[in-house]
Amino acid sequence: MSVLPGGLAEALASEEHERSAAEQSFRRRLGPLLDLAAANPDATDLYVDQGRVRLSFGRERVPYTYGQLGLTPADVRAAVANAAVFADAEFGSRTPAVPLLSVKIPPDLRFTATVPPVSEGLHVAIRFLRARSLTLEDYVAQGAMTEDQLALVRRLVAEGRNVAVSGGTGSGKTTFLRAVLREVMTDGDDGERVLVLEDTPELSLEGAIHFATARTATMAALLVHTLRMTPDRIVVGEVRGSEALELLTAMNTGHPGSWFTVHSNGKRMALRRLHSLAQRLQPELPYRDVTDAVDYVIQIEARRGERRIADIWEVPKTEGGHGVGGELGA
């Protein structure tokens, strides 16, 4: 029996029906593209740049035309409108306030689109999250991680260390973070209460509590809200803005076991980037606040399409705010 007020229950049911109908239409409109993806399980992304379609296998990209796939521009435009339902947004050139869209289409697609005036035409990027369901044991089996590194990562999880997962674009930061967090989630009600914050949901951890940013909620606001919900562990999909200050504050004030990703090509530069992002709100923030908050940086690198754990670096704790961790370079 529902414990929700009648009006609210009806509204939620109506919204769920609308989303379900939008997803069915989305998958019908983009059927040729989704069939292409299903026939190529190693593909990671698919791009539609106006009339040009490309299927991505990391560095290799295979081109197709609309005619080859039995697809029309109208199909793609309609699918974008369907995807916007998941973001509760009207999307298109007639609503220039919302010319950007990024949303997860359950269960395994991240759909991103751009229209004028931000771009010259319609551009779509679809990421297949299904290709990223790896375990830490898979990393060892594939030679991307050593047994010693696996043991260390598990120790960091068990000890509640604060860890940054660093890497460049396409290096597999989110994929690795998902594999790590599977070590945290346990069956039953006695497991950890893990709160996951992302711009576009990708981690999809069963048993975790997921929050996503929206037009009315920034990542920084979500972090503040999360701290009021007494989490056992905070996970941030990617730190890319001034929310870095809220995260550093949380890690320095009794919220251990936090994990997050940050875009950087080097372990030390990952800390410098965090510092720079946090200084957008607090210019005088000492670098020591970063080194005190972050215990380890796991650096991931991708070369010639192969990804590996390059380093698991213990951050030196500084006395004056300018220790080894503050050096420029990798």
C-alpha atoms as a PDB file:
ATOM      1  CA  MET A   1       0.000   0.000   0.000  1.00  0.00           C
ATOM      2  CA  SER A   2       1.405   3.414  -1.009  1.00  0.00           C
ATOM      3  CA  VAL A   3       2.314   5.803   1.793  1.00  0.00           C
ATOM      4  CA  LEU A   4       2.495   8.755  -0.630  1.00  0.00           C
ATOM      5  CA  PRO A   5      -0.284  11.340  -0.883  1.00  0.00           C
ATOM      6  CA  GLY A   6      -2.621  10.535  -3.737  1.00  0.00           C
ATOM      7  CA  GLY A   7      -1.649  13.520  -5.878  1.00  0.00           C
ATOM      8  CA  LEU A   8       2.064  12.860  -5.503  1.00  0.00           C
ATOM      9  CA  ALA A   9       1.681   9.153  -6.230  1.00  0.00           C
ATOM     10  CA  GLU A  10      -0.259   9.947  -9.410  1.00  0.00           C
ATOM     11  CA  ALA A  11       2.338  12.515 -10.497  1.00  0.00           C
ATOM     12  CA  LEU A  12       5.187  10.062  -9.990  1.00  0.00           C
ATOM     13  CA  ALA A  13       3.321   7.347 -11.886  1.00  0.00           C
ATOM     14  CA  SER A  14       2.644   9.751 -14.752  1.00  0.00           C
ATOM     15  CA  GLU A  15       6.310  10.769 -14.867  1.00  0.00           C
ATOM     16  CA  GLU A  16       7.430   7.142 -14.889  1.00  0.00           C
ATOM     17  CA  HIS A  17       5.034   6.393 -17.748  1.00  0.00           C
ATOM     18  CA  GLU A  18       6.374   9.363 -19.715  1.00  0.00           C
ATOM     19  CA  ARG A  19       9.975   8.233 -19.236  1.00  0.00           C
ATOM     20  CA  SER A  20       9.127   4.670 -20.238  1.00  0.00           C
ATOM     21  CA  ALA A  21       7.406   5.831 -23.415  1.00  0.00           C
ATOM     22  CA  ALA A  22      10.326   8.134 -24.225  1.00  0.00           C
ATOM     23  CA  GLU A  23      12.834   5.316 -23.798  1.00  0.00           C
ATOM     24  CA  GLN A  24      10.856   2.998 -26.079  1.00  0.00           C
ATOM     25  CA  SER A  25      10.662   5.689 -28.741  1.00  0.00           C
ATOM     26  CA  PHE A  26      14.360   6.509 -28.311  1.00  0.00           C
ATOM     27  CA  ARG A  27      15.396   2.899 -28.842  1.00  0.00           C
ATOM     28  CA  ARG A  28      13.038   2.509 -31.805  1.00  0.00           C
ATOM     29  CA  ARG A  29      14.334   5.660 -33.516  1.00  0.00           C
ATOM     30  CA  LEU A  30      17.981   4.722 -33.015  1.00  0.00           C
ATOM     31  CA  GLY A  31      17.432   1.006 -33.629  1.00  0.00           C
ATOM     32  CA  PRO A  32      19.979   0.814 -36.480  1.00  0.00           C
ATOM     33  CA  LEU A  33      22.674   2.428 -34.327  1.00  0.00           C
ATOM     34  CA  LEU A  34      21.927   0.277 -31.290  1.00  0.00           C
ATOM     35  CA  ASP A  35      21.887  -2.852 -33.462  1.00  0.00           C
ATOM     36  CA  LEU A  36      25.291  -1.841 -34.809  1.00  0.00           C
ATOM     37  CA  ALA A  37      26.581  -1.493 -31.259  1.00  0.00           C
ATOM     38  CA  ALA A  38      25.140  -4.875 -30.256  1.00  0.00           C
ATOM     39  CA  ALA A  39      26.924  -6.506 -33.198  1.00  0.00           C
ATOM     40  CA  ASN A  40      30.226  -4.940 -32.073  1.00  0.00           C
ATOM     41  CA  PRO A  41      30.533  -5.631 -28.318  1.00  0.00           C
ATOM     42  CA  ASP A  42      34.074  -4.225 -28.231  1.00  0.00           C
ATOM     43  CA  ALA A  43      32.903  -0.782 -29.364  1.00  0.00           C
ATOM     44  CA  THR A  44      33.115   1.931 -26.716  1.00  0.00           C
ATOM     45  CA  ASP A  45      31.365   4.909 -28.324  1.00  0.00           C
ATOM     46  CA  LEU A  46      29.289   5.951 -31.302  1.00  0.00           C
ATOM     47  CA  TYR A  47      29.328   9.450 -32.824  1.00  0.00           C
ATOM     48  CA  VAL A  48      26.800  11.150 -35.080  1.00  0.00           C
ATOM     49  CA  ASP A  49      28.132  14.436 -36.433  1.00  0.00           C
ATOM     50  CA  GLN A  50      25.372  15.739 -38.682  1.00  0.00           C
ATOM     51  CA  GLY A  51      25.445  13.243 -41.587  1.00  0.00           C
ATOM     52  CA  ARG A  52      28.555  11.395 -40.462  1.00  0.00           C
ATOM     53  CA  VAL A  53      28.382   8.294 -38.246  1.00  0.00           C
ATOM     54  CA  ARG A  54      31.426   6.671 -36.642  1.00  0.00           C
ATOM     55  CA  LEU A  55      31.738   3.637 -34.377  1.00  0.00           C
ATOM     56  CA  SER A  56      34.669   3.931 -31.985  1.00  0.00           C
ATOM     57  CA  PHE A  57      36.910   1.137 -30.735  1.00  0.00           C
ATOM     58  CA  GLY A  58      39.211   3.368 -28.708  1.00  0.00           C
ATOM     59  CA  ARG A  59      41.667   4.837 -31.196  1.00  0.00           C
ATOM     60  CA  GLU A  60      40.101   3.071 -34.186  1.00  0.00           C
ATOM     61  CA  ARG A  61      36.927   4.600 -35.639  1.00  0.00           C
ATOM     62  CA  VAL A  62      34.869   2.985 -38.389  1.00  0.00           C
ATOM     63  CA  PRO A  63      32.754   5.331 -40.575  1.00  0.00           C
ATOM     64  CA  TYR A  64      29.187   4.709 -41.764  1.00  0.00           C
ATOM     65  CA  THR A  65      26.571   6.699 -43.654  1.00  0.00           C
ATOM     66  CA  TYR A  66      22.908   7.178 -42.825  1.00  0.00           C
ATOM     67  CA  GLY A  67      22.043   5.215 -45.970  1.00  0.00           C
ATOM     68  CA  GLN A  68      24.133   2.215 -44.931  1.00  0.00           C
ATOM     69  CA  LEU A  69      22.327   2.034 -41.606  1.00  0.00           C
ATOM     70  CA  GLY A  70      18.808   2.835 -42.782  1.00  0.00           C
ATOM     71  CA  LEU A  71      18.795   5.936 -40.577  1.00  0.00           C
ATOM     72  CA  THR A  72      17.408   9.423 -41.248  1.00  0.00           C
ATOM     73  CA  PRO A  73      18.217  12.837 -39.711  1.00  0.00           C
ATOM     74  CA  ALA A  74      14.611  12.983 -38.498  1.00  0.00           C
ATOM     75  CA  ASP A  75      15.155   9.767 -36.538  1.00  0.00           C
ATOM     76  CA  VAL A  76      18.169  11.257 -34.761  1.00  0.00           C
ATOM     77  CA  ARG A  77      16.381  14.539 -33.968  1.00  0.00           C
ATOM     78  CA  ALA A  78      13.396  12.650 -32.569  1.00  0.00           C
ATOM     79  CA  ALA A  79      15.676  10.441 -30.452  1.00  0.00           C
ATOM     80  CA  VAL A  80      17.323  13.543 -28.979  1.00  0.00           C
ATOM     81  CA  ALA A  81      13.907  14.867 -27.978  1.00  0.00           C
ATOM     82  CA  ASN A  82      13.113  11.512 -26.351  1.00  0.00           C
ATOM     83  CA  ALA A  83      16.410  11.543 -24.443  1.00  0.00           C
ATOM     84  CA  ALA A  84      15.645  15.015 -23.129  1.00  0.00           C
ATOM     85  CA  VAL A  85      12.684  13.569 -21.229  1.00  0.00           C
ATOM     86  CA  PHE A  86      15.187  11.840 -18.953  1.00  0.00           C
ATOM     87  CA  ALA A  87      16.704  15.216 -18.116  1.00  0.00           C
ATOM     88  CA  ASP A  88      13.309  16.884 -17.621  1.00  0.00           C
ATOM     89  CA  ALA A  89      14.284  19.448 -20.252  1.00  0.00           C
ATOM     90  CA  GLU A  90      12.944  20.725 -23.535  1.00  0.00           C
ATOM     91  CA  PHE A  91      15.878  20.523 -25.868  1.00  0.00           C
ATOM     92  CA  GLY A  92      16.591  22.034 -29.249  1.00  0.00           C
ATOM     93  CA  SER A  93      17.442  25.135 -31.216  1.00  0.00           C
ATOM     94  CA  ARG A  94      14.117  26.732 -30.139  1.00  0.00           C
ATOM     95  CA  THR A  95      15.263  26.613 -26.518  1.00  0.00           C
ATOM     96  CA  PRO A  96      18.727  28.179 -26.684  1.00  0.00           C
ATOM     97  CA  ALA A  97      18.931  28.128 -22.877  1.00  0.00           C
ATOM     98  CA  VAL A  98      19.257  24.322 -23.095  1.00  0.00           C
ATOM     99  CA  PRO A  99      21.418  23.592 -26.180  1.00  0.00           C
ATOM    100  CA  LEU A 100      23.424  20.924 -24.337  1.00  0.00           C
ATOM    101  CA  LEU A 101      22.150  17.558 -23.152  1.00  0.00           C
ATOM    102  CA  SER A 102      23.882  14.750 -21.285  1.00  0.00           C
ATOM    103  CA  VAL A 103      21.811  11.967 -19.770  1.00  0.00           C
ATOM    104  CA  LYS A 104      21.976   8.271 -18.966  1.00  0.00           C
ATOM    105  CA  ILE A 105      19.495   6.088 -20.819  1.00  0.00           C
ATOM    106  CA  PRO A 106      19.011   3.011 -18.628  1.00  0.00           C
ATOM    107  CA  PRO A 107      20.599   0.628 -18.335  1.00  0.00           C
ATOM    108  CA  ASP A 108      23.771   1.097 -20.318  1.00  0.00           C
ATOM    109  CA  LEU A 109      23.942   4.239 -22.472  1.00  0.00           C
ATOM    110  CA  ARG A 110      25.296   7.722 -21.827  1.00  0.00           C
ATOM    111  CA  PHE A 111      23.759  10.015 -24.412  1.00  0.00           C
ATOM    112  CA  THR A 112      25.219  13.473 -25.110  1.00  0.00           C
ATOM    113  CA  ALA A 113      23.928  15.925 -27.713  1.00  0.00           C
ATOM    114  CA  THR A 114      24.648  19.473 -28.850  1.00  0.00           C
ATOM    115  CA  VAL A 115      22.608  21.747 -31.129  1.00  0.00           C
ATOM    116  CA  PRO A 116      22.879  25.342 -32.400  1.00  0.00           C
ATOM    117  CA  PRO A 117      23.741  27.945 -31.300  1.00  0.00           C
ATOM    118  CA  VAL A 118      26.455  26.080 -29.407  1.00  0.00           C
ATOM    119  CA  SER A 119      27.356  24.041 -32.508  1.00  0.00           C
ATOM    120  CA  GLU A 120      26.821  24.464 -36.238  1.00  0.00           C
ATOM    121  CA  GLY A 121      24.542  21.431 -36.380  1.00  0.00           C
ATOM    122  CA  LEU A 122      23.361  18.409 -34.410  1.00  0.00           C
ATOM    123  CA  HIS A 123      26.111  16.348 -32.781  1.00  0.00           C
ATOM    124  CA  VAL A 124      25.539  13.198 -30.745  1.00  0.00           C
ATOM    125  CA  ALA A 125      27.904  11.000 -28.729  1.00  0.00           C
ATOM    126  CA  ILE A 126      26.737   7.681 -27.273  1.00  0.00           C
ATOM    127  CA  ARG A 127      28.940   5.867 -24.768  1.00  0.00           C
ATOM    128  CA  PHE A 128      28.305   2.181 -24.142  1.00  0.00           C
ATOM    129  CA  LEU A 129      28.632   1.634 -20.412  1.00  0.00           C
ATOM    130  CA  ARG A 130      28.237  -2.122 -20.887  1.00  0.00           C
ATOM    131  CA  ALA A 131      31.879  -2.329 -21.989  1.00  0.00           C
ATOM    132  CA  ARG A 132      33.001  -1.009 -18.626  1.00  0.00           C
ATOM    133  CA  SER A 133      31.676  -3.689 -16.267  1.00  0.00           C
ATOM    134  CA  LEU A 134      35.060  -4.937 -15.121  1.00  0.00           C
ATOM    135  CA  THR A 135      36.210  -6.301 -11.781  1.00  0.00           C
ATOM    136  CA  LEU A 136      39.604  -5.743 -10.202  1.00  0.00           C
ATOM    137  CA  GLU A 137      40.410  -9.363 -10.993  1.00  0.00           C
ATOM    138  CA  ASP A 138      39.744  -8.576 -14.672  1.00  0.00           C
ATOM    139  CA  TYR A 139      42.372  -5.828 -14.500  1.00  0.00           C
ATOM    140  CA  VAL A 140      44.932  -8.317 -13.200  1.00  0.00           C
ATOM    141  CA  ALA A 141      43.976 -10.948 -15.795  1.00  0.00           C
ATOM    142  CA  GLN A 142      44.348  -8.408 -18.601  1.00  0.00           C
ATOM    143  CA  GLY A 143      47.746  -7.242 -17.353  1.00  0.00           C
ATOM    144  CA  ALA A 144      46.456  -3.753 -16.503  1.00  0.00           C
ATOM    145  CA  MET A 145      47.210  -4.224 -12.806  1.00  0.00           C
ATOM    146  CA  THR A 146      49.647  -6.336 -10.803  1.00  0.00           C
ATOM    147  CA  GLU A 147      48.715  -8.619  -7.923  1.00  0.00           C
ATOM    148  CA  ASP A 148      50.573  -6.279  -5.553  1.00  0.00           C
ATOM    149  CA  GLN A 149      48.568  -3.314  -6.834  1.00  0.00           C
ATOM    150  CA  LEU A 150      45.337  -5.258  -6.371  1.00  0.00           C
ATOM    151  CA  ALA A 151      46.236  -6.031  -2.764  1.00  0.00           C
ATOM    152  CA  LEU A 152      47.098  -2.371  -2.110  1.00  0.00           C
ATOM    153  CA  VAL A 153      43.837  -1.081  -3.622  1.00  0.00           C
ATOM    154  CA  ARG A 154      41.848  -3.469  -1.453  1.00  0.00           C
ATOM    155  CA  ARG A 155      43.769  -2.283   1.594  1.00  0.00           C
ATOM    156  CA  LEU A 156      42.989   1.353   0.748  1.00  0.00           C
ATOM    157  CA  VAL A 157      39.292   0.497   0.537  1.00  0.00           C
ATOM    158  CA  ALA A 158      39.331  -1.439   3.811  1.00  0.00           C
ATOM    159  CA  GLU A 159      41.266   1.259   5.676  1.00  0.00           C
ATOM    160  CA  GLY A 160      38.943   4.051   4.532  1.00  0.00           C
ATOM    161  CA  ARG A 161      41.616   6.060   2.731  1.00  0.00           C
ATOM    162  CA  ASN A 162      40.735   9.074   0.594  1.00  0.00           C
ATOM    163  CA  VAL A 163      41.786   8.302  -2.967  1.00  0.00           C
ATOM    164  CA  ALA A 164      41.929  10.271  -6.224  1.00  0.00           C
ATOM    165  CA  VAL A 165      41.774   8.290  -9.467  1.00  0.00           C
ATOM    166  CA  SER A 166      43.671  10.360 -12.023  1.00  0.00           C
ATOM    167  CA  GLY A 167      44.057  10.027 -15.770  1.00  0.00           C
ATOM    168  CA  GLY A 168      43.599  11.674 -19.124  1.00  0.00           C
ATOM    169  CA  THR A 169      40.568  11.617 -21.413  1.00  0.00           C
ATOM    170  CA  GLY A 170      39.505   8.066 -22.228  1.00  0.00           C
ATOM    171  CA  SER A 171      41.964   6.497 -19.814  1.00  0.00           C
ATOM    172  CA  GLY A 172      39.213   4.543 -18.038  1.00  0.00           C
ATOM    173  CA  LYS A 173      38.925   6.407 -14.733  1.00  0.00           C
ATOM    174  CA  THR A 174      35.201   5.771 -14.292  1.00  0.00           C
ATOM    175  CA  THR A 175      35.535   2.130 -15.303  1.00  0.00           C
ATOM    176  CA  PHE A 176      38.263   1.569 -12.731  1.00  0.00           C
ATOM    177  CA  LEU A 177      36.356   3.446 -10.022  1.00  0.00           C
ATOM    178  CA  ARG A 178      33.330   1.240 -10.621  1.00  0.00           C
ATOM    179  CA  ALA A 179      35.490  -1.877 -10.258  1.00  0.00           C
ATOM    180  CA  VAL A 180      36.951  -0.551  -7.005  1.00  0.00           C
ATOM    181  CA  LEU A 181      33.577   0.303  -5.533  1.00  0.00           C
ATOM    182  CA  ARG A 182      32.285  -3.198  -6.141  1.00  0.00           C
ATOM    183  CA  GLU A 183      34.706  -4.091  -3.351  1.00  0.00           C
ATOM    184  CA  VAL A 184      32.733  -1.776  -1.065  1.00  0.00           C
ATOM    185  CA  MET A 185      29.190  -2.858  -1.833  1.00  0.00           C
ATOM    186  CA  THR A 186      27.976  -5.922   0.050  1.00  0.00           C
ATOM    187  CA  ASP A 187      24.696  -7.772   0.143  1.00  0.00           C
ATOM    188  CA  GLY A 188      22.246  -7.090   2.953  1.00  0.00           C
ATOM    189  CA  ASP A 189      21.286  -4.086   5.030  1.00  0.00           C
ATOM    190  CA  ASP A 190      24.493  -4.039   7.057  1.00  0.00           C
ATOM    191  CA  GLY A 191      26.671  -2.779   4.206  1.00  0.00           C
ATOM    192  CA  GLU A 192      28.150   0.689   3.882  1.00  0.00           C
ATOM    193  CA  ARG A 193      25.915   3.627   2.996  1.00  0.00           C
ATOM    194  CA  VAL A 194      27.648   4.891  -0.129  1.00  0.00           C
ATOM    195  CA  LEU A 195      26.507   8.143  -1.748  1.00  0.00           C
ATOM    196  CA  VAL A 196      27.544   8.555  -5.384  1.00  0.00           C
ATOM    197  CA  LEU A 197      27.520  11.999  -7.011  1.00  0.00           C
ATOM    198  CA  GLU A 198      27.834  12.438 -10.786  1.00  0.00           C
ATOM    199  CA  ASP A 199      26.933  14.904 -13.497  1.00  0.00           C
ATOM    200  CA  THR A 200      25.596  12.094 -15.687  1.00  0.00           C
ATOM    201  CA  PRO A 201      25.043   8.727 -13.944  1.00  0.00           C
ATOM    202  CA  GLU A 202      27.574   6.148 -15.111  1.00  0.00           C
ATOM    203  CA  LEU A 203      28.777   4.222 -12.070  1.00  0.00           C
ATOM    204  CA  SER A 204      25.435   2.459 -11.510  1.00  0.00           C
ATOM    205  CA  LEU A 205      26.412   0.651  -8.318  1.00  0.00           C
ATOM    206  CA  GLU A 206      23.735  -1.651  -6.988  1.00  0.00           C
ATOM    207  CA  GLY A 207      23.028  -0.805  -3.374  1.00  0.00           C
ATOM    208  CA  ALA A 208      24.513   2.698  -3.536  1.00  0.00           C
ATOM    209  CA  ILE A 209      22.539   5.957  -3.315  1.00  0.00           C
ATOM    210  CA  HIS A 210      22.935   7.922  -6.549  1.00  0.00           C
ATOM    211  CA  PHE A 211      22.591  11.681  -7.026  1.00  0.00           C
ATOM    212  CA  ALA A 212      22.994  13.555 -10.313  1.00  0.00           C
ATOM    213  CA  THR A 213      23.307  17.256 -11.013  1.00  0.00           C
ATOM    214  CA  ALA A 214      20.443  19.054 -12.684  1.00  0.00           C
ATOM    215  CA  ARG A 215      19.596  22.586 -13.735  1.00  0.00           C
ATOM    216  CA  THR A 216      18.737  23.340 -10.128  1.00  0.00           C
ATOM    217  CA  ALA A 217      21.582  21.462  -8.405  1.00  0.00           C
ATOM    218  CA  THR A 218      25.287  21.940  -8.929  1.00  0.00           C
ATOM    219  CA  MET A 219      27.872  19.388  -7.864  1.00  0.00           C
ATOM    220  CA  ALA A 220      28.949  21.678  -5.032  1.00  0.00           C
ATOM    221  CA  ALA A 221      25.341  21.911  -3.810  1.00  0.00           C
ATOM    222  CA  LEU A 222      24.985  18.131  -3.995  1.00  0.00           C
ATOM    223  CA  LEU A 223      28.114  17.716  -1.893  1.00  0.00           C
ATOM    224  CA  VAL A 224      26.790  20.038   0.799  1.00  0.00           C
ATOM    225  CA  HIS A 225      23.481  18.159   0.773  1.00  0.00           C
ATOM    226  CA  THR A 226      25.275  14.813   0.938  1.00  0.00           C
ATOM    227  CA  LEU A 227      27.170  15.777   4.085  1.00  0.00           C
ATOM    228  CA  ARG A 228      23.821  16.258   5.851  1.00  0.00           C
ATOM    229  CA  MET A 229      22.838  12.676   5.037  1.00  0.00           C
ATOM    230  CA  THR A 230      25.579  11.042   7.148  1.00  0.00           C
ATOM    231  CA  PRO A 231      27.209   8.940   4.421  1.00  0.00           C
ATOM    232  CA  ASP A 232      29.671   6.182   5.278  1.00  0.00           C
ATOM    233  CA  ARG A 233      31.508   6.922   2.048  1.00  0.00           C
ATOM    234  CA  ILE A 234      31.322   9.709  -0.557  1.00  0.00           C
ATOM    235  CA  VAL A 235      32.075   9.021  -4.208  1.00  0.00           C
ATOM    236  CA  VAL A 236      32.318  11.792  -6.819  1.00  0.00           C
ATOM    237  CA  GLY A 237      32.301  10.669 -10.437  1.00  0.00           C
ATOM    238  CA  GLU A 238      34.562  13.528 -11.535  1.00  0.00           C
ATOM    239  CA  VAL A 239      35.797  16.681  -9.828  1.00  0.00           C
ATOM    240  CA  ARG A 240      36.006  19.401 -12.436  1.00  0.00           C
ATOM    241  CA  GLY A 241      34.876  22.625 -10.750  1.00  0.00           C
ATOM    242  CA  SER A 242      34.648  24.577  -7.546  1.00  0.00           C
ATOM    243  CA  GLU A 243      33.045  21.561  -5.850  1.00  0.00           C
ATOM    244  CA  ALA A 244      36.652  20.574  -5.170  1.00  0.00           C
ATOM    245  CA  LEU A 245      36.581  22.901  -2.151  1.00  0.00           C
ATOM    246  CA  GLU A 246      33.528  21.170  -0.641  1.00  0.00           C
ATOM    247  CA  LEU A 247      35.102  17.757  -1.203  1.00  0.00           C
ATOM    248  CA  LEU A 248      38.407  18.772   0.383  1.00  0.00           C
ATOM    249  CA  THR A 249      36.507  20.194   3.339  1.00  0.00           C
ATOM    250  CA  ALA A 250      34.549  16.959   3.735  1.00  0.00           C
ATOM    251  CA  MET A 251      37.662  14.786   3.594  1.00  0.00           C
ATOM    252  CA  ASN A 252      39.412  17.013   6.138  1.00  0.00           C
ATOM    253  CA  THR A 253      36.481  17.039   8.576  1.00  0.00           C
ATOM    254  CA  GLY A 254      35.644  13.447   9.336  1.00  0.00           C
ATOM    255  CA  HIS A 255      34.539  11.843   6.045  1.00  0.00           C
ATOM    256  CA  PRO A 256      37.166   9.173   5.312  1.00  0.00           C
ATOM    257  CA  GLY A 257      36.965   6.619   2.521  1.00  0.00           C
ATOM    258  CA  SER A 258      36.071   9.114  -0.186  1.00  0.00           C
ATOM    259  CA  TRP A 259      36.943   8.216  -3.786  1.00  0.00           C
ATOM    260  CA  PHE A 260      36.772  10.477  -6.831  1.00  0.00           C
ATOM    261  CA  THR A 261      38.241  10.946 -10.284  1.00  0.00           C
ATOM    262  CA  VAL A 262      40.103  13.956 -11.605  1.00  0.00           C
ATOM    263  CA  HIS A 263      41.357  14.700 -15.098  1.00  0.00           C
ATOM    264  CA  SER A 264      45.135  14.896 -15.045  1.00  0.00           C
ATOM    265  CA  ASN A 265      48.107  13.375 -16.869  1.00  0.00           C
ATOM    266  CA  GLY A 266      50.205  13.003 -13.718  1.00  0.00           C
ATOM    267  CA  LYS A 267      49.799  12.074 -10.084  1.00  0.00           C
ATOM    268  CA  ARG A 268      51.281  15.286  -8.685  1.00  0.00           C
ATOM    269  CA  MET A 269      49.475  17.373 -11.259  1.00  0.00           C
ATOM    270  CA  ALA A 270      46.223  15.793 -10.069  1.00  0.00           C
ATOM    271  CA  LEU A 271      46.763  17.437  -6.674  1.00  0.00           C
ATOM    272  CA  ARG A 272      47.737  20.726  -8.273  1.00  0.00           C
ATOM    273  CA  ARG A 273      44.525  20.621 -10.311  1.00  0.00           C
ATOM    274  CA  LEU A 274      42.436  19.985  -7.196  1.00  0.00           C
ATOM    275  CA  HIS A 275      44.128  22.928  -5.522  1.00  0.00           C
ATOM    276  CA  SER A 276      43.480  25.173  -8.498  1.00  0.00           C
ATOM    277  CA  LEU A 277      39.808  24.178  -8.687  1.00  0.00           C
ATOM    278  CA  ALA A 278      39.266  24.778  -4.964  1.00  0.00           C
ATOM    279  CA  GLN A 279      40.955  28.170  -5.174  1.00  0.00           C
ATOM    280  CA  ARG A 280      38.175  29.389  -7.469  1.00  0.00           C
ATOM    281  CA  LEU A 281      36.088  29.812  -4.322  1.00  0.00           C
ATOM    282  CA  GLN A 282      38.842  30.284  -1.759  1.00  0.00           C
ATOM    283  CA  PRO A 283      41.901  31.903  -3.402  1.00  0.00           C
ATOM    284  CA  GLU A 284      43.967  31.760  -0.215  1.00  0.00           C
ATOM    285  CA  LEU A 285      43.432  28.021   0.334  1.00  0.00           C
ATOM    286  CA  PRO A 286      46.782  26.509   1.387  1.00  0.00           C
ATOM    287  CA  TYR A 287      48.126  23.600  -0.654  1.00  0.00           C
ATOM    288  CA  ARG A 288      48.454  21.673   2.576  1.00  0.00           C
ATOM    289  CA  ASP A 289      44.656  21.318   2.687  1.00  0.00           C
ATOM    290  CA  VAL A 290      44.931  19.181  -0.438  1.00  0.00           C
ATOM    291  CA  THR A 291      47.771  16.971   0.761  1.00  0.00           C
ATOM    292  CA  ASP A 292      46.087  16.553   4.155  1.00  0.00           C
ATOM    293  CA  ALA A 293      42.829  15.458   2.497  1.00  0.00           C
ATOM    294  CA  VAL A 294      44.057  13.051  -0.189  1.00  0.00           C
ATOM    295  CA  ASP A 295      45.906   9.955   0.969  1.00  0.00           C
ATOM    296  CA  TYR A 296      46.676   8.288  -2.383  1.00  0.00           C
ATOM    297  CA  VAL A 297      46.545   9.043  -6.089  1.00  0.00           C
ATOM    298  CA  ILE A 298      46.013   6.151  -8.498  1.00  0.00           C
ATOM    299  CA  GLN A 299      47.313   7.181 -11.914  1.00  0.00           C
ATOM    300  CA  ILE A 300      45.829   5.468 -14.969  1.00  0.00           C
ATOM    301  CA  GLU A 301      47.331   5.798 -18.417  1.00  0.00           C
ATOM    302  CA  ALA A 302      46.215   4.696 -21.872  1.00  0.00           C
ATOM    303  CA  ARG A 303      48.729   4.057 -24.628  1.00  0.00           C
ATOM    304  CA  ARG A 304      47.949   2.648 -28.045  1.00  0.00           C
ATOM    305  CA  GLY A 305      44.478   1.700 -26.851  1.00  0.00           C
ATOM    306  CA  GLU A 306      45.736  -0.220 -23.802  1.00  0.00           C
ATOM    307  CA  ARG A 307      45.012   1.001 -20.266  1.00  0.00           C
ATOM    308  CA  ARG A 308      47.011   0.224 -17.164  1.00  0.00           C
ATOM    309  CA  ILE A 309      47.529   1.334 -13.579  1.00  0.00           C
ATOM    310  CA  ALA A 310      50.718   3.338 -13.932  1.00  0.00           C
ATOM    311  CA  ASP A 311      51.198   4.161 -10.245  1.00  0.00           C
ATOM    312  CA  ILE A 312      49.566   4.070  -6.823  1.00  0.00           C
ATOM    313  CA  TRP A 313      51.182   7.000  -5.064  1.00  0.00           C
ATOM    314  CA  GLU A 314      51.024   7.727  -1.363  1.00  0.00           C
ATOM    315  CA  VAL A 315      50.700  11.475  -0.940  1.00  0.00           C
ATOM    316  CA  PRO A 316      53.406  12.883   1.364  1.00  0.00           C
ATOM    317  CA  LYS A 317      51.894  14.820   4.230  1.00  0.00           C
ATOM    318  CA  THR A 318      53.420  18.279   4.267  1.00  0.00           C
ATOM    319  CA  GLU A 319      54.383  20.373   7.269  1.00  0.00           C
ATOM    320  CA  GLY A 320      54.546  23.762   5.621  1.00  0.00           C
ATOM    321  CA  GLY A 321      52.278  23.215   2.650  1.00  0.00           C
ATOM    322  CA  HIS A 322      55.076  22.682   0.108  1.00  0.00           C
ATOM    323  CA  GLY A 323      56.293  19.114   0.465  1.00  0.00           C
ATOM    324  CA  VAL A 324      57.133  16.578  -2.223  1.00  0.00           C
ATOM    325  CA  GLY A 325      53.471  16.376  -3.217  1.00  0.00           C
ATOM    326  CA  GLY A 326      53.572  19.997  -4.316  1.00  0.00           C
ATOM    327  CA  GLU A 327      56.310  19.594  -6.867  1.00  0.00           C
ATOM    328  CA  LEU A 328      55.408  20.316 -10.446  1.00  0.00           C
ATOM    329  CA  GLY A 329      55.589  17.522 -12.981  1.00  0.00           C
ATOM    330  CA  ALA A 330      54.081  14.059 -13.100  1.00  0.00           C
END
